[in-house]
Amino acid sequence: MGSIITTTQVESSVQPGQYLTFFLAGEMFAIAILGIKEIIEHGIETVVPMMPSFVRGVINLRGAVVPVVDVSARFGWPPSVITRRSCIVIIEARDTEGQGQDIGLLVDSVSAVMDIPTANIEPPPAFGARVRTDFIDGMAKVDGKFIIVLKVHQVLSIDEMAQLSSAYDIGEPM
């Protein structure tokens, strides 16, 4: 999993189009549907030893091994509590050689696919140097509420995931 660098999602700033909305810890998030392959209900993952805490394990998806990332834990929040509404959003990521790898994103629940015009999406807020907003593509205003539009390729950053994995490789606790 250390070679994942990007998804098939558009990597530049927010593009007009359709977004999948989902909930994490009561907040609504969105990702462009371009990089999404499918949505499946949560099943039981096989736990892989020595992985960062945000990697829940792997699932068997039609014979392929697919790692599952708990997005809530990836954000530094408590791990997701599995309910009957929990879903795994399967996206396709590409490694440095251009090879595709499916990755599952564990979310609390999926809401809807929405058309969000560019005019309704503002840049991420500036909180200063101590608060990370590099994983936010923008803040969409829908029905008087904000939806956080994520940069999936940043959430799955190769540099950070490799650093975390390498710390486990040498036996250091996180």
Protein backbone atom coordinates (compact mmCIF):
# COMPACT_ATOMS: atom_id res chain seq x y z
CA MET A 1 0.00 0.00 0.00
CA GLY A 2 3.02 2.28 0.30
CA SER A 3 3.08 3.01 -3.45
CA ILE A 4 -0.31 4.66 -3.69
CA ILE A 5 0.03 8.24 -4.80
CA THR A 6 -3.17 9.38 -6.42
CA THR A 7 -6.71 8.42 -7.32
CA THR A 8 -8.45 8.65 -10.63
CA GLN A 9 -10.31 11.62 -9.17
CA VAL A 10 -9.51 15.01 -10.72
CA GLU A 11 -6.44 16.26 -8.85
CA SER A 12 -6.74 19.99 -9.48
CA SER A 13 -9.03 22.35 -7.66
CA VAL A 14 -12.75 21.66 -7.36
CA GLN A 15 -14.51 20.83 -10.61
CA PRO A 16 -18.23 21.21 -11.25
CA GLY A 17 -20.03 17.92 -11.25
CA GLN A 18 -21.42 15.13 -9.18
CA TYR A 19 -20.26 14.30 -5.69
CA LEU A 20 -20.98 11.40 -3.38
CA THR A 21 -21.91 12.71 0.05
CA PHE A 22 -21.37 10.68 3.20
CA PHE A 23 -21.25 11.10 6.96
CA LEU A 24 -18.37 10.75 9.41
CA ALA A 25 -18.91 11.54 13.09
CA GLY A 26 -22.07 13.47 12.27
CA GLU A 27 -20.43 15.71 9.64
CA MET A 28 -21.19 15.56 5.93
CA PHE A 29 -18.34 15.14 3.46
CA ALA A 30 -18.20 14.81 -0.32
CA ILE A 31 -15.88 13.29 -2.92
CA ALA A 32 -16.10 13.54 -6.69
CA ILE A 33 -17.76 10.47 -8.18
CA LEU A 34 -15.12 10.22 -10.91
CA GLY A 35 -12.81 8.15 -8.72
CA ILE A 36 -15.50 5.92 -7.18
CA LYS A 37 -15.89 2.37 -8.46
CA GLU A 38 -18.67 1.15 -6.16
CA ILE A 39 -20.21 1.28 -2.71
CA ILE A 40 -20.62 -1.90 -0.69
CA GLU A 41 -22.11 -2.59 2.71
CA HIS A 42 -19.63 -3.13 5.48
CA GLY A 43 -18.42 -6.68 5.94
CA ILE A 44 -15.80 -8.16 8.19
CA GLU A 45 -12.24 -7.18 7.43
CA THR A 46 -9.25 -9.42 7.93
CA VAL A 47 -6.95 -7.60 10.33
CA VAL A 48 -3.37 -7.24 9.11
CA PRO A 49 -0.75 -7.00 11.89
CA MET A 50 1.56 -3.98 12.19
CA MET A 51 -0.63 -1.62 10.19
CA PRO A 52 -1.39 1.98 11.20
CA SER A 53 -4.54 2.28 13.31
CA PHE A 54 -6.53 3.82 10.45
CA VAL A 55 -6.09 0.71 8.27
CA ARG A 56 -8.94 -1.53 9.43
CA GLY A 57 -7.69 -4.51 7.44
CA VAL A 58 -8.43 -6.03 4.05
CA ILE A 59 -11.52 -7.43 2.37
CA ASN A 60 -11.98 -9.90 -0.46
CA LEU A 61 -13.71 -8.08 -3.31
CA ARG A 62 -14.41 -10.59 -6.07
CA GLY A 63 -11.07 -12.30 -5.49
CA ALA A 64 -9.01 -9.12 -5.05
CA VAL A 65 -7.42 -8.04 -1.78
CA VAL A 66 -8.67 -4.53 -0.98
CA PRO A 67 -7.27 -2.54 1.97
CA VAL A 68 -9.88 -0.67 4.02
CA VAL A 69 -9.04 2.75 5.48
CA ASP A 70 -11.16 4.06 8.35
CA VAL A 71 -11.51 7.69 7.24
CA SER A 72 -12.55 8.82 10.72
CA ALA A 73 -9.40 7.33 12.27
CA ARG A 74 -7.33 8.74 9.37
CA PHE A 75 -8.52 12.20 10.43
CA GLY A 76 -7.31 11.55 13.97
CA TRP A 77 -10.82 11.01 15.34
CA PRO A 78 -11.96 7.90 17.21
CA PRO A 79 -12.35 4.86 14.94
CA SER A 80 -15.73 4.45 13.27
CA VAL A 81 -18.32 2.47 15.18
CA ILE A 82 -19.77 -0.08 12.79
CA THR A 83 -23.55 0.13 12.37
CA ARG A 84 -25.94 -1.31 9.83
CA ARG A 85 -25.54 1.92 7.80
CA SER A 86 -21.72 1.70 7.63
CA CYS A 87 -20.43 1.45 4.06
CA ILE A 88 -17.19 0.94 2.23
CA VAL A 89 -16.65 3.25 -0.74
CA ILE A 90 -14.34 1.55 -3.23
CA ILE A 91 -12.06 3.91 -5.14
CA GLU A 92 -9.32 3.15 -7.63
CA ALA A 93 -5.87 4.50 -6.81
CA ARG A 94 -2.81 4.44 -9.04
CA ASP A 95 0.75 3.68 -8.00
CA THR A 96 3.91 5.26 -9.41
CA GLU A 97 3.92 2.82 -12.34
CA GLY A 98 0.30 3.59 -13.21
CA GLN A 99 -0.99 0.28 -11.87
CA GLY A 100 -4.50 0.42 -10.41
CA GLN A 101 -5.23 -0.57 -6.81
CA ASP A 102 -8.67 -0.57 -5.26
CA ILE A 103 -8.94 0.92 -1.77
CA GLY A 104 -11.97 0.88 0.49
CA LEU A 105 -12.93 3.95 2.50
CA LEU A 106 -14.97 3.09 5.58
CA VAL A 107 -17.65 5.75 6.22
CA ASP A 108 -20.50 5.95 8.74
CA SER A 109 -23.17 6.18 6.04
CA VAL A 110 -23.65 7.27 2.44
CA SER A 111 -26.12 10.08 1.85
CA ALA A 112 -26.63 10.87 -1.84
CA VAL A 113 -25.06 11.81 -5.14
CA MET A 114 -25.38 15.57 -5.62
CA ASP A 115 -24.74 18.01 -8.42
CA ILE A 116 -22.77 20.83 -6.83
CA PRO A 117 -22.08 23.87 -9.02
CA THR A 118 -18.61 25.42 -8.77
CA ALA A 119 -20.23 28.69 -7.62
CA ASN A 120 -21.42 26.89 -4.47
CA ILE A 121 -17.94 25.69 -3.52
CA GLU A 122 -15.61 28.02 -1.66
CA PRO A 123 -11.90 27.48 -1.00
CA PRO A 124 -10.86 25.77 2.23
CA PRO A 125 -10.74 28.11 5.21
CA ALA A 126 -7.40 29.51 6.36
CA PHE A 127 -6.88 28.52 9.99
CA GLY A 128 -3.17 29.26 10.09
CA ALA A 129 -0.12 27.04 9.95
CA ARG A 130 -1.07 24.84 12.92
CA VAL A 131 -4.29 23.47 11.39
CA ARG A 132 -4.13 21.14 8.39
CA THR A 133 -6.53 21.86 5.55
CA ASP A 134 -4.48 20.24 2.76
CA PHE A 135 -6.99 17.38 2.47
CA ILE A 136 -9.91 19.78 1.88
CA ASP A 137 -10.70 20.74 -1.72
CA GLY A 138 -13.42 23.18 -0.72
CA MET A 139 -16.50 23.94 1.33
CA ALA A 140 -19.74 23.40 -0.58
CA LYS A 141 -22.81 25.38 0.48
CA VAL A 142 -25.95 23.27 0.05
CA ASP A 143 -29.30 24.20 1.60
CA GLY A 144 -27.65 26.59 4.05
CA LYS A 145 -25.17 24.01 5.35
CA PHE A 146 -21.55 23.27 4.56
CA ILE A 147 -20.31 20.03 3.05
CA ILE A 148 -16.56 19.42 3.23
CA VAL A 149 -15.27 18.40 -0.21
CA LEU A 150 -12.28 16.12 0.26
CA LYS A 151 -9.14 15.60 -1.82
CA VAL A 152 -9.14 11.81 -1.68
CA HIS A 153 -5.59 11.61 -3.05
CA GLN A 154 -4.41 13.75 -0.12
CA VAL A 155 -6.36 11.73 2.46
CA LEU A 156 -4.48 8.70 1.09
CA SER A 157 -1.14 10.58 0.87
CA ILE A 158 1.71 8.22 0.02
CA ASP A 159 4.20 10.19 2.09
CA GLU A 160 2.21 10.10 5.32
CA MET A 161 1.01 6.52 4.92
CA ALA A 162 4.57 5.36 4.13
CA GLN A 163 5.94 7.19 7.18
CA LEU A 164 3.33 5.61 9.41
CA SER A 165 3.88 2.16 7.92
CA SER A 166 7.67 2.44 8.18
CA ALA A 167 7.38 3.29 11.87
CA TYR A 168 5.55 -0.03 12.30
CA ASP A 169 8.12 -1.85 10.18
CA ILE A 170 10.86 -1.01 12.65
CA GLY A 171 8.70 -1.77 15.65
CA GLU A 172 8.15 1.76 16.94
CA PRO A 173 4.76 2.38 18.57
CA MET A 174 2.63 5.12 17.10
